[in-house]
Amino acid sequence: MTEIRMKEIENILVETFLFSDVSPLTVEKQTPFFSECAFISYSVDTIIQSAEAPITGIAVIADGTAGVLSDSSDNGILLRTLGKGQIFGAASLYSGNNRYETVIRALSEVRVLLIPEKTVKRLISSNSLLSENYIRFLSARICFLNQKISAFTAGSAEAKLAVYLSELPRDEAGVISLHVSYSALAESLGMGRASLYRALDKLENNGTLRRDGKRLVLLDEAELSAVFRK
């Protein structure tokens, strides 16, 4: 492996949760693993991961943007986006199965750095700091998912909407562009259109966002988070 390729892998991994406060190069010297990592490229609109084609291991977005969708159909709801340095696959590493209910699709030309499952498990078992980082990541995910579950099961329509909007991409001006109709969005959130519009009105009236058709300008992200964390 060339020094350039090793440096690229190091620069990508150092930004991930797994190598927080741990040098990838130091780990490589102690437990060689760089040679087991692989770069995989995907063209626009290509399915990167689905129930039928799972990726086993931890995948890091090296370049480009990918979308996490509710399903692979044309009406699939965009749940969140993954940009450079963000990962997927970590939460299911020890789940016992590789079935994914969501779909990951390339929203642009995407290049992924894949650390195979066996490699990740070997690294975690041989390095206590990596193990702690992995546990810390899972704990944070559990806390966040519990908040989302509470919002969706016992929360108001406003809370459900806030959870959904909190993970959608926005541009530098804070603009969130919805790629589905409000009817489809209401159905995916398990509410009627009237309830969705009332929730949007509340978020607009309290200064959280401004609505412009299917463009939502996020004015106060802290308030948006507070809606479903109450």
C-alpha atoms as a PDB file:
ATOM      1  CA  MET A   1       0.000   0.000   0.000  1.00  0.00           C
ATOM      2  CA  THR A   2       1.370   3.413  -0.971  1.00  0.00           C
ATOM      3  CA  GLU A   3       2.005   6.180   1.547  1.00  0.00           C
ATOM      4  CA  ILE A   4      -0.564   8.354  -0.265  1.00  0.00           C
ATOM      5  CA  ARG A   5      -3.288   5.726   0.137  1.00  0.00           C
ATOM      6  CA  MET A   6      -2.364   5.162   3.807  1.00  0.00           C
ATOM      7  CA  LYS A   7      -2.512   8.921   4.445  1.00  0.00           C
ATOM      8  CA  GLU A   8      -5.928   9.123   2.789  1.00  0.00           C
ATOM      9  CA  ILE A   9      -7.288   6.300   4.945  1.00  0.00           C
ATOM     10  CA  GLU A  10      -5.835   7.926   8.043  1.00  0.00           C
ATOM     11  CA  ASN A  11      -7.385  11.309   7.221  1.00  0.00           C
ATOM     12  CA  ILE A  12     -10.819   9.732   6.705  1.00  0.00           C
ATOM     13  CA  LEU A  13     -10.792   7.569   9.819  1.00  0.00           C
ATOM     14  CA  VAL A  14      -9.501  10.257  12.180  1.00  0.00           C
ATOM     15  CA  GLU A  15     -12.796  12.122  11.734  1.00  0.00           C
ATOM     16  CA  THR A  16     -14.975   9.136  12.720  1.00  0.00           C
ATOM     17  CA  PHE A  17     -16.375   8.322  16.159  1.00  0.00           C
ATOM     18  CA  LEU A  18     -14.385   5.068  16.321  1.00  0.00           C
ATOM     19  CA  PHE A  19     -11.044   6.874  16.283  1.00  0.00           C
ATOM     20  CA  SER A  20     -11.982   9.719  18.596  1.00  0.00           C
ATOM     21  CA  ASP A  21      -8.804  10.538  20.577  1.00  0.00           C
ATOM     22  CA  VAL A  22      -7.112   7.519  18.979  1.00  0.00           C
ATOM     23  CA  SER A  23      -4.669   7.831  16.087  1.00  0.00           C
ATOM     24  CA  PRO A  24      -5.581   5.494  13.203  1.00  0.00           C
ATOM     25  CA  LEU A  25      -1.881   5.292  12.325  1.00  0.00           C
ATOM     26  CA  THR A  26      -1.005   4.217  15.870  1.00  0.00           C
ATOM     27  CA  VAL A  27      -3.665   1.521  15.744  1.00  0.00           C
ATOM     28  CA  GLU A  28      -2.373   0.440  12.320  1.00  0.00           C
ATOM     29  CA  LYS A  29       1.134  -0.016  13.746  1.00  0.00           C
ATOM     30  CA  GLN A  30      -0.188  -2.075  16.665  1.00  0.00           C
ATOM     31  CA  THR A  31      -2.843  -4.039  14.771  1.00  0.00           C
ATOM     32  CA  PRO A  32      -2.370  -3.698  11.000  1.00  0.00           C
ATOM     33  CA  PHE A  33      -5.700  -3.221   9.228  1.00  0.00           C
ATOM     34  CA  PHE A  34      -5.319  -0.558   6.522  1.00  0.00           C
ATOM     35  CA  SER A  35      -4.726  -3.226   3.862  1.00  0.00           C
ATOM     36  CA  GLU A  36      -8.094  -4.810   4.718  1.00  0.00           C
ATOM     37  CA  CYS A  37      -9.999  -1.575   4.038  1.00  0.00           C
ATOM     38  CA  ALA A  38     -11.457  -0.989   0.593  1.00  0.00           C
ATOM     39  CA  PHE A  39     -12.717   2.002  -1.372  1.00  0.00           C
ATOM     40  CA  ILE A  40     -15.971   1.447  -3.278  1.00  0.00           C
ATOM     41  CA  SER A  41     -17.421   3.958  -5.762  1.00  0.00           C
ATOM     42  CA  TYR A  42     -21.093   4.481  -6.608  1.00  0.00           C
ATOM     43  CA  SER A  43     -22.712   6.548  -9.345  1.00  0.00           C
ATOM     44  CA  VAL A  44     -25.663   8.886  -8.766  1.00  0.00           C
ATOM     45  CA  ASP A  45     -28.922   7.127  -7.754  1.00  0.00           C
ATOM     46  CA  THR A  46     -27.171   3.810  -7.171  1.00  0.00           C
ATOM     47  CA  ILE A  47     -28.434   1.797  -4.201  1.00  0.00           C
ATOM     48  CA  ILE A  48     -25.496   1.491  -1.803  1.00  0.00           C
ATOM     49  CA  GLN A  49     -27.251  -0.643   0.776  1.00  0.00           C
ATOM     50  CA  SER A  50     -30.627  -2.337   1.146  1.00  0.00           C
ATOM     51  CA  ALA A  51     -32.187  -5.446   2.658  1.00  0.00           C
ATOM     52  CA  GLU A  52     -31.307  -7.313  -0.526  1.00  0.00           C
ATOM     53  CA  ALA A  53     -27.752  -5.968  -0.719  1.00  0.00           C
ATOM     54  CA  PRO A  54     -26.389  -5.306   2.784  1.00  0.00           C
ATOM     55  CA  ILE A  55     -22.912  -4.033   3.557  1.00  0.00           C
ATOM     56  CA  THR A  56     -21.223  -5.845   6.428  1.00  0.00           C
ATOM     57  CA  GLY A  57     -18.855  -3.682   8.401  1.00  0.00           C
ATOM     58  CA  ILE A  58     -18.476   0.024   9.017  1.00  0.00           C
ATOM     59  CA  ALA A  59     -18.679   2.212   5.929  1.00  0.00           C
ATOM     60  CA  VAL A  60     -17.432   5.813   5.899  1.00  0.00           C
ATOM     61  CA  ILE A  61     -18.468   8.335   3.263  1.00  0.00           C
ATOM     62  CA  ALA A  62     -15.130   9.418   1.767  1.00  0.00           C
ATOM     63  CA  ASP A  63     -16.605  11.683  -0.910  1.00  0.00           C
ATOM     64  CA  GLY A  64     -20.096  12.721  -1.975  1.00  0.00           C
ATOM     65  CA  THR A  65     -23.502  12.533  -0.331  1.00  0.00           C
ATOM     66  CA  ALA A  66     -25.828   9.601   0.271  1.00  0.00           C
ATOM     67  CA  GLY A  67     -29.445   9.561   1.370  1.00  0.00           C
ATOM     68  CA  VAL A  68     -31.117   7.250   3.881  1.00  0.00           C
ATOM     69  CA  LEU A  69     -34.586   6.497   2.524  1.00  0.00           C
ATOM     70  CA  SER A  70     -37.597   4.658   3.900  1.00  0.00           C
ATOM     71  CA  ASP A  71     -37.590   2.293   0.894  1.00  0.00           C
ATOM     72  CA  SER A  72     -36.242   1.949  -2.638  1.00  0.00           C
ATOM     73  CA  SER A  73     -39.393   3.089  -4.445  1.00  0.00           C
ATOM     74  CA  ASP A  74     -39.742   6.427  -6.206  1.00  0.00           C
ATOM     75  CA  ASN A  75     -41.943   7.525  -3.286  1.00  0.00           C
ATOM     76  CA  GLY A  76     -39.371   6.606  -0.642  1.00  0.00           C
ATOM     77  CA  ILE A  77     -39.119   9.259   2.075  1.00  0.00           C
ATOM     78  CA  LEU A  78     -35.700  10.848   2.607  1.00  0.00           C
ATOM     79  CA  LEU A  79     -35.016  10.303   6.312  1.00  0.00           C
ATOM     80  CA  ARG A  80     -31.572  11.897   6.526  1.00  0.00           C
ATOM     81  CA  THR A  81     -28.402  12.410   4.543  1.00  0.00           C
ATOM     82  CA  LEU A  82     -24.850  11.186   5.016  1.00  0.00           C
ATOM     83  CA  GLY A  83     -21.975  13.431   4.035  1.00  0.00           C
ATOM     84  CA  LYS A  84     -18.206  13.161   4.056  1.00  0.00           C
ATOM     85  CA  GLY A  85     -16.934  11.530   7.250  1.00  0.00           C
ATOM     86  CA  GLN A  86     -20.295  10.110   8.301  1.00  0.00           C
ATOM     87  CA  ILE A  87     -20.754   6.383   8.745  1.00  0.00           C
ATOM     88  CA  PHE A  88     -23.313   3.617   8.459  1.00  0.00           C
ATOM     89  CA  GLY A  89     -23.333  -0.042   9.466  1.00  0.00           C
ATOM     90  CA  ALA A  90     -21.941   0.412  12.973  1.00  0.00           C
ATOM     91  CA  ALA A  91     -25.210  -0.031  14.861  1.00  0.00           C
ATOM     92  CA  SER A  92     -25.878  -3.467  13.332  1.00  0.00           C
ATOM     93  CA  LEU A  93     -22.369  -4.851  13.718  1.00  0.00           C
ATOM     94  CA  TYR A  94     -23.300  -7.210  16.563  1.00  0.00           C
ATOM     95  CA  SER A  95     -27.012  -7.536  15.840  1.00  0.00           C
ATOM     96  CA  GLY A  96     -26.799 -11.136  14.623  1.00  0.00           C
ATOM     97  CA  ASN A  97     -28.325 -10.319  11.249  1.00  0.00           C
ATOM     98  CA  ASN A  98     -27.644  -7.902   8.434  1.00  0.00           C
ATOM     99  CA  ARG A  99     -31.188  -6.967   7.524  1.00  0.00           C
ATOM    100  CA  TYR A 100     -31.683  -3.262   6.960  1.00  0.00           C
ATOM    101  CA  GLU A 101     -35.141  -1.732   6.924  1.00  0.00           C
ATOM    102  CA  THR A 102     -33.923   1.472   5.282  1.00  0.00           C
ATOM    103  CA  VAL A 103     -32.185   2.042   1.970  1.00  0.00           C
ATOM    104  CA  ILE A 104     -29.032   4.065   1.342  1.00  0.00           C
ATOM    105  CA  ARG A 105     -28.830   5.646  -2.105  1.00  0.00           C
ATOM    106  CA  ALA A 106     -26.115   7.777  -3.684  1.00  0.00           C
ATOM    107  CA  LEU A 107     -27.350  11.348  -4.103  1.00  0.00           C
ATOM    108  CA  SER A 108     -24.184  12.238  -5.994  1.00  0.00           C
ATOM    109  CA  GLU A 109     -21.047  10.440  -7.068  1.00  0.00           C
ATOM    110  CA  VAL A 110     -20.117   8.655  -3.842  1.00  0.00           C
ATOM    111  CA  ARG A 111     -16.967   6.926  -2.663  1.00  0.00           C
ATOM    112  CA  VAL A 112     -17.113   4.808   0.473  1.00  0.00           C
ATOM    113  CA  LEU A 113     -14.305   3.490   2.662  1.00  0.00           C
ATOM    114  CA  LEU A 114     -15.354   0.088   3.985  1.00  0.00           C
ATOM    115  CA  ILE A 115     -13.834  -1.518   7.084  1.00  0.00           C
ATOM    116  CA  PRO A 116     -14.996  -5.160   6.944  1.00  0.00           C
ATOM    117  CA  GLU A 117     -16.929  -6.594   9.875  1.00  0.00           C
ATOM    118  CA  LYS A 118     -14.191  -9.036  10.890  1.00  0.00           C
ATOM    119  CA  THR A 119     -11.635  -6.230  10.851  1.00  0.00           C
ATOM    120  CA  VAL A 120     -13.758  -3.908  13.011  1.00  0.00           C
ATOM    121  CA  LYS A 121     -14.414  -6.647  15.562  1.00  0.00           C
ATOM    122  CA  ARG A 122     -10.696  -7.481  15.704  1.00  0.00           C
ATOM    123  CA  LEU A 123      -9.825  -3.840  16.281  1.00  0.00           C
ATOM    124  CA  ILE A 124     -12.455  -3.396  18.994  1.00  0.00           C
ATOM    125  CA  SER A 125     -11.363  -6.522  20.847  1.00  0.00           C
ATOM    126  CA  SER A 126      -7.676  -5.543  20.726  1.00  0.00           C
ATOM    127  CA  ASN A 127      -7.941  -1.858  21.664  1.00  0.00           C
ATOM    128  CA  SER A 128      -9.821  -0.702  24.775  1.00  0.00           C
ATOM    129  CA  LEU A 129     -10.100   2.911  23.558  1.00  0.00           C
ATOM    130  CA  LEU A 130     -11.762   1.817  20.319  1.00  0.00           C
ATOM    131  CA  SER A 131     -14.068  -0.382  22.362  1.00  0.00           C
ATOM    132  CA  GLU A 132     -15.049   2.549  24.594  1.00  0.00           C
ATOM    133  CA  ASN A 133     -15.659   4.758  21.562  1.00  0.00           C
ATOM    134  CA  TYR A 134     -17.912   2.117  20.034  1.00  0.00           C
ATOM    135  CA  ILE A 135     -19.893   1.702  23.267  1.00  0.00           C
ATOM    136  CA  ARG A 136     -20.169   5.486  23.611  1.00  0.00           C
ATOM    137  CA  PHE A 137     -21.503   5.723  20.054  1.00  0.00           C
ATOM    138  CA  LEU A 138     -24.132   3.024  20.665  1.00  0.00           C
ATOM    139  CA  SER A 139     -25.192   4.646  23.946  1.00  0.00           C
ATOM    140  CA  ALA A 140     -25.691   7.994  22.227  1.00  0.00           C
ATOM    141  CA  ARG A 141     -27.714   6.318  19.467  1.00  0.00           C
ATOM    142  CA  ILE A 142     -29.913   4.564  22.023  1.00  0.00           C
ATOM    143  CA  CYS A 143     -30.619   7.835  23.856  1.00  0.00           C
ATOM    144  CA  PHE A 144     -31.446   9.617  20.619  1.00  0.00           C
ATOM    145  CA  LEU A 145     -33.646   6.780  19.352  1.00  0.00           C
ATOM    146  CA  ASN A 146     -35.500   6.688  22.678  1.00  0.00           C
ATOM    147  CA  GLN A 147     -36.267  10.383  22.244  1.00  0.00           C
ATOM    148  CA  LYS A 148     -37.497   9.728  18.724  1.00  0.00           C
ATOM    149  CA  ILE A 149     -39.636   6.795  19.831  1.00  0.00           C
ATOM    150  CA  SER A 150     -41.215   8.898  22.583  1.00  0.00           C
ATOM    151  CA  ALA A 151     -41.944  11.660  20.098  1.00  0.00           C
ATOM    152  CA  PHE A 152     -43.516   9.293  17.595  1.00  0.00           C
ATOM    153  CA  THR A 153     -45.555   7.242  20.071  1.00  0.00           C
ATOM    154  CA  ALA A 154     -46.589   9.724  22.721  1.00  0.00           C
ATOM    155  CA  GLY A 155     -45.624  13.035  21.213  1.00  0.00           C
ATOM    156  CA  SER A 156     -47.682  15.563  19.354  1.00  0.00           C
ATOM    157  CA  ALA A 157     -47.825  16.004  15.586  1.00  0.00           C
ATOM    158  CA  GLU A 158     -45.438  18.911  16.127  1.00  0.00           C
ATOM    159  CA  ALA A 159     -42.929  16.612  17.882  1.00  0.00           C
ATOM    160  CA  LYS A 160     -43.149  13.990  15.124  1.00  0.00           C
ATOM    161  CA  LEU A 161     -42.514  16.631  12.499  1.00  0.00           C
ATOM    162  CA  ALA A 162     -39.595  18.078  14.475  1.00  0.00           C
ATOM    163  CA  VAL A 163     -37.947  14.640  14.714  1.00  0.00           C
ATOM    164  CA  TYR A 164     -38.244  14.194  10.962  1.00  0.00           C
ATOM    165  CA  LEU A 165     -36.981  17.657  10.072  1.00  0.00           C
ATOM    166  CA  SER A 166     -34.063  17.457  12.515  1.00  0.00           C
ATOM    167  CA  GLU A 167     -32.286  14.862  10.367  1.00  0.00           C
ATOM    168  CA  LEU A 168     -32.968  16.346   6.949  1.00  0.00           C
ATOM    169  CA  PRO A 169     -30.172  18.137   5.087  1.00  0.00           C
ATOM    170  CA  ARG A 170     -30.203  21.900   4.848  1.00  0.00           C
ATOM    171  CA  ASP A 171     -28.066  24.307   2.865  1.00  0.00           C
ATOM    172  CA  GLU A 172     -25.887  27.075   4.284  1.00  0.00           C
ATOM    173  CA  ALA A 173     -28.936  29.325   4.587  1.00  0.00           C
ATOM    174  CA  GLY A 174     -30.766  26.711   6.640  1.00  0.00           C
ATOM    175  CA  VAL A 175     -33.147  25.797   3.814  1.00  0.00           C
ATOM    176  CA  ILE A 176     -34.671  22.305   3.926  1.00  0.00           C
ATOM    177  CA  SER A 177     -36.113  21.222   0.576  1.00  0.00           C
ATOM    178  CA  LEU A 178     -38.855  18.608   0.821  1.00  0.00           C
ATOM    179  CA  HIS A 179     -38.752  16.099  -2.013  1.00  0.00           C
ATOM    180  CA  VAL A 180     -42.198  14.641  -1.338  1.00  0.00           C
ATOM    181  CA  SER A 181     -45.691  16.094  -1.245  1.00  0.00           C
ATOM    182  CA  TYR A 182     -47.174  17.189   2.066  1.00  0.00           C
ATOM    183  CA  SER A 183     -49.753  14.411   1.673  1.00  0.00           C
ATOM    184  CA  ALA A 184     -47.014  11.773   1.361  1.00  0.00           C
ATOM    185  CA  LEU A 185     -45.136  13.308   4.294  1.00  0.00           C
ATOM    186  CA  ALA A 186     -48.248  13.278   6.490  1.00  0.00           C
ATOM    187  CA  GLU A 187     -48.863   9.621   5.640  1.00  0.00           C
ATOM    188  CA  SER A 188     -45.266   8.629   6.419  1.00  0.00           C
ATOM    189  CA  LEU A 189     -45.488  10.398   9.797  1.00  0.00           C
ATOM    190  CA  GLY A 190     -48.777   8.670  10.615  1.00  0.00           C
ATOM    191  CA  MET A 191     -50.914  11.792  10.723  1.00  0.00           C
ATOM    192  CA  GLY A 192     -53.525  13.544   8.629  1.00  0.00           C
ATOM    193  CA  ARG A 193     -52.769  16.490   6.360  1.00  0.00           C
ATOM    194  CA  ALA A 194     -54.656  18.849   8.668  1.00  0.00           C
ATOM    195  CA  SER A 195     -52.491  17.772  11.619  1.00  0.00           C
ATOM    196  CA  LEU A 196     -49.336  18.245   9.573  1.00  0.00           C
ATOM    197  CA  TYR A 197     -50.346  21.756   8.528  1.00  0.00           C
ATOM    198  CA  ARG A 198     -51.203  22.657  12.136  1.00  0.00           C
ATOM    199  CA  ALA A 199     -47.769  21.396  13.221  1.00  0.00           C
ATOM    200  CA  LEU A 200     -46.094  23.479  10.514  1.00  0.00           C
ATOM    201  CA  ASP A 201     -48.102  26.526  11.601  1.00  0.00           C
ATOM    202  CA  LYS A 202     -46.965  26.062  15.223  1.00  0.00           C
ATOM    203  CA  LEU A 203     -43.310  25.774  14.255  1.00  0.00           C
ATOM    204  CA  GLU A 204     -43.671  28.813  12.041  1.00  0.00           C
ATOM    205  CA  ASN A 205     -45.516  30.872  14.648  1.00  0.00           C
ATOM    206  CA  ASN A 206     -42.929  30.219  17.367  1.00  0.00           C
ATOM    207  CA  GLY A 207     -40.087  31.275  15.065  1.00  0.00           C
ATOM    208  CA  THR A 208     -38.572  27.816  14.518  1.00  0.00           C
ATOM    209  CA  LEU A 209     -38.942  27.895  10.751  1.00  0.00           C
ATOM    210  CA  ARG A 210     -40.406  29.796   7.835  1.00  0.00           C
ATOM    211  CA  ARG A 211     -42.418  28.010   5.160  1.00  0.00           C
ATOM    212  CA  ASP A 212     -42.104  28.777   1.460  1.00  0.00           C
ATOM    213  CA  GLY A 213     -43.988  26.072  -0.410  1.00  0.00           C
ATOM    214  CA  LYS A 214     -41.925  22.886  -0.075  1.00  0.00           C
ATOM    215  CA  ARG A 215     -38.923  24.924   1.083  1.00  0.00           C
ATOM    216  CA  LEU A 216     -38.606  25.239   4.859  1.00  0.00           C
ATOM    217  CA  VAL A 217     -36.147  27.800   6.177  1.00  0.00           C
ATOM    218  CA  LEU A 218     -34.857  26.655   9.558  1.00  0.00           C
ATOM    219  CA  LEU A 219     -34.509  29.701  11.810  1.00  0.00           C
ATOM    220  CA  ASP A 220     -33.844  28.086  15.205  1.00  0.00           C
ATOM    221  CA  GLU A 221     -32.340  24.584  15.234  1.00  0.00           C
ATOM    222  CA  ALA A 222     -32.093  24.525  19.036  1.00  0.00           C
ATOM    223  CA  GLU A 223     -35.831  25.123  19.303  1.00  0.00           C
ATOM    224  CA  LEU A 224     -36.512  22.403  16.752  1.00  0.00           C
ATOM    225  CA  SER A 225     -34.558  19.905  18.863  1.00  0.00           C
ATOM    226  CA  ALA A 226     -36.268  21.099  22.020  1.00  0.00           C
ATOM    227  CA  VAL A 227     -39.684  20.285  20.553  1.00  0.00           C
ATOM    228  CA  PHE A 228     -39.114  16.513  20.656  1.00  0.00           C
ATOM    229  CA  ARG A 229     -36.811  16.451  23.675  1.00  0.00           C
ATOM    230  CA  LYS A 230     -39.407  17.924  26.037  1.00  0.00           C
END
